[in-house]
Amino acid sequence: MRRLLTFAMLVMLALPAASAARTHAPNDGTLSVSDARGTITINGRGAVIGSFARGSVTISDPIDGDGTGPVVTGDEWSKDRNDTTTTWGGTKVRFRMIGGTFKIVVRGRGINLSLVGKGTIMLNGAGTGDDGSYAVNGSDYSAMPDFPASFFLSATSP
């Protein structure tokens, strides 16, 4: 009986923490980018995890403390643009930004990225004819556009 009571208390303590950690809202959309070449710009709120084979990522985190802040690994160089914006670059770079508001610009090749959230997205392939692919809200993958294509990401995005 004592073990059951202890287990029940632990579950009750864990539930509020789990719900507070939730970053996915009901009207959030999803974006998945696979093996892209070109430029991807995200101006939004939510969670992003990505990597690239060669290139750079610029992350602006305008509101301190509203998320994890940028986490970047594998970079060969970095440059602070201002108090809220930094650019990292190199080969085999990985990055993430969980929670909060941000602007992320990824330029390069071999870009893989997942986003859950909402905001304005701009995709611009390099025009090589094989610039990778992207999918919105779980739809089928489409080829990266050869020109700047912008759309608003939410649960109702096409």
Protein backbone atom coordinates (compact mmCIF):
# COMPACT_ATOMS: atom_id res chain seq x y z
CA MET A 1 0.00 0.00 0.00
CA ARG A 2 2.82 2.37 0.87
CA ARG A 3 4.48 1.77 -2.54
CA LEU A 4 1.22 2.52 -4.35
CA LEU A 5 0.78 5.75 -2.42
CA THR A 6 4.38 6.79 -3.13
CA PHE A 7 3.96 6.04 -6.84
CA ALA A 8 0.69 8.01 -7.00
CA MET A 9 2.33 11.01 -5.34
CA LEU A 10 5.25 10.91 -7.78
CA VAL A 11 2.85 10.83 -10.73
CA MET A 12 0.91 13.78 -9.32
CA LEU A 13 4.14 15.77 -8.95
CA ALA A 14 5.31 14.91 -12.48
CA LEU A 15 2.10 15.91 -14.29
CA PRO A 16 2.40 19.70 -13.76
CA ALA A 17 6.07 19.62 -14.80
CA ALA A 18 5.26 17.67 -17.96
CA SER A 19 2.47 20.02 -18.96
CA ALA A 20 4.64 23.09 -18.32
CA ALA A 21 7.37 21.67 -20.58
CA ARG A 22 4.96 21.29 -23.49
CA THR A 23 6.04 23.47 -26.46
CA HIS A 24 3.48 22.29 -29.03
CA ALA A 25 0.27 24.35 -29.10
CA PRO A 26 -2.92 23.08 -30.81
CA ASN A 27 -2.60 25.48 -33.76
CA ASP A 28 1.14 24.92 -34.35
CA GLY A 29 2.22 23.72 -37.76
CA THR A 30 5.16 21.53 -38.73
CA LEU A 31 7.91 21.97 -41.30
CA SER A 32 10.38 19.28 -42.31
CA VAL A 33 13.31 20.02 -44.64
CA SER A 34 15.44 17.22 -46.06
CA ASP A 35 18.90 17.50 -47.68
CA ALA A 36 18.28 21.06 -48.87
CA ARG A 37 20.64 23.42 -50.64
CA GLY A 38 19.94 27.15 -50.47
CA THR A 39 18.51 29.46 -47.82
CA ILE A 40 15.80 28.82 -45.24
CA THR A 41 14.45 31.69 -43.13
CA ILE A 42 12.17 31.14 -40.14
CA ASN A 43 10.68 34.06 -38.26
CA GLY A 44 8.46 32.54 -35.62
CA ARG A 45 7.82 30.90 -32.30
CA GLY A 46 8.16 27.23 -31.35
CA ALA A 47 10.95 24.67 -31.55
CA VAL A 48 13.58 24.07 -34.25
CA ILE A 49 16.17 21.31 -34.51
CA GLY A 50 18.50 21.24 -37.50
CA SER A 51 21.85 20.49 -39.05
CA PHE A 52 23.78 21.18 -42.24
CA ALA A 53 26.73 19.64 -44.04
CA ARG A 54 28.34 22.98 -44.93
CA GLY A 55 27.16 26.54 -44.40
CA SER A 56 26.07 28.94 -41.70
CA VAL A 57 23.18 29.60 -39.34
CA THR A 58 22.24 33.00 -37.95
CA ILE A 59 19.99 32.93 -34.90
CA SER A 60 18.31 35.97 -33.35
CA ASP A 61 16.82 35.44 -29.89
CA PRO A 62 15.19 38.81 -29.14
CA ILE A 63 13.55 37.88 -25.81
CA ASP A 64 16.01 36.59 -23.23
CA GLY A 65 14.66 33.72 -21.15
CA ASP A 66 11.58 32.81 -23.24
CA GLY A 67 13.12 29.54 -24.40
CA THR A 68 16.34 27.57 -24.21
CA GLY A 69 18.29 30.07 -26.25
CA PRO A 70 20.34 28.88 -29.22
CA VAL A 71 22.36 25.70 -28.81
CA VAL A 72 24.93 25.13 -31.60
CA THR A 73 27.53 22.36 -31.81
CA GLY A 74 30.18 21.40 -34.34
CA ASP A 75 30.74 24.97 -35.52
CA GLU A 76 34.19 26.01 -36.74
CA TRP A 77 33.58 29.73 -36.26
CA SER A 78 31.07 32.17 -34.82
CA LYS A 79 30.46 35.90 -34.94
CA ASP A 80 28.25 38.00 -32.66
CA ARG A 81 26.19 40.40 -34.81
CA ASN A 82 24.68 42.24 -31.82
CA ASP A 83 23.42 41.44 -28.31
CA THR A 84 20.69 39.08 -29.58
CA THR A 85 22.09 37.72 -32.87
CA THR A 86 24.99 35.35 -33.60
CA THR A 87 26.14 33.55 -36.76
CA TRP A 88 27.83 30.14 -36.61
CA GLY A 89 29.40 28.29 -39.54
CA GLY A 90 31.41 25.33 -40.69
CA THR A 91 30.81 21.71 -41.62
CA LYS A 92 28.58 19.20 -39.84
CA VAL A 93 26.99 21.86 -37.65
CA ARG A 94 23.95 21.06 -35.49
CA PHE A 95 21.64 23.61 -33.89
CA ARG A 96 18.45 23.88 -31.90
CA MET A 97 16.18 26.51 -30.43
CA ILE A 98 13.42 25.21 -28.16
CA GLY A 99 10.64 27.55 -27.10
CA GLY A 100 10.27 31.26 -27.45
CA THR A 101 10.44 33.70 -30.34
CA PHE A 102 13.32 33.60 -32.82
CA LYS A 103 14.57 34.34 -36.30
CA ILE A 104 16.77 31.69 -37.90
CA VAL A 105 18.49 31.93 -41.29
CA VAL A 106 20.26 28.80 -42.56
CA ARG A 107 22.42 29.04 -45.68
CA GLY A 108 24.27 26.09 -47.13
CA ARG A 109 23.95 22.54 -48.35
CA GLY A 110 22.84 19.30 -46.74
CA ILE A 111 20.32 21.20 -44.60
CA ASN A 112 18.02 19.02 -42.49
CA LEU A 113 15.55 20.79 -40.25
CA SER A 114 12.39 20.18 -38.24
CA LEU A 115 10.15 22.95 -36.91
CA VAL A 116 7.05 22.81 -34.72
CA GLY A 117 5.44 26.20 -34.24
CA LYS A 118 4.07 29.10 -36.18
CA GLY A 119 5.50 32.00 -38.10
CA THR A 120 6.68 33.15 -41.49
CA ILE A 121 8.82 30.74 -43.51
CA MET A 122 10.86 31.56 -46.62
CA LEU A 123 12.41 28.79 -48.70
CA ASN A 124 14.86 29.53 -51.51
CA GLY A 125 16.67 26.68 -53.24
CA ALA A 126 20.05 27.25 -54.86
CA GLY A 127 18.66 26.55 -58.35
CA THR A 128 20.77 23.46 -58.99
CA GLY A 129 17.80 21.26 -59.95
CA ASP A 130 18.39 19.02 -56.93
CA ASP A 131 17.99 21.32 -53.94
CA GLY A 132 16.31 18.88 -51.56
CA SER A 133 12.73 18.82 -50.37
CA TYR A 134 10.32 20.06 -47.72
CA ALA A 135 6.98 19.04 -46.22
CA VAL A 136 4.39 21.11 -44.34
CA ASN A 137 2.05 19.66 -41.69
CA GLY A 138 2.86 16.06 -42.55
CA SER A 139 2.01 16.38 -46.24
CA ASP A 140 4.05 14.76 -49.02
CA TYR A 141 7.52 16.19 -49.68
CA SER A 142 7.89 18.79 -52.45
CA ALA A 143 11.03 20.01 -54.20
CA MET A 144 12.64 23.14 -52.76
CA PRO A 145 11.61 26.15 -54.87
CA ASP A 146 14.20 27.77 -57.17
CA PHE A 147 12.93 31.21 -56.15
CA PRO A 148 12.08 32.77 -52.77
CA ALA A 149 8.75 31.27 -51.65
CA SER A 150 7.20 32.61 -48.47
CA PHE A 151 4.24 31.33 -46.43
CA PHE A 152 2.80 31.49 -42.94
CA LEU A 153 3.14 28.25 -40.98
CA SER A 154 0.30 27.12 -38.72
CA ALA A 155 -1.84 24.01 -38.32
CA THR A 156 -3.99 25.18 -41.25
CA SER A 157 -1.12 25.85 -43.70
CA PRO A 158 -1.52 24.08 -47.03
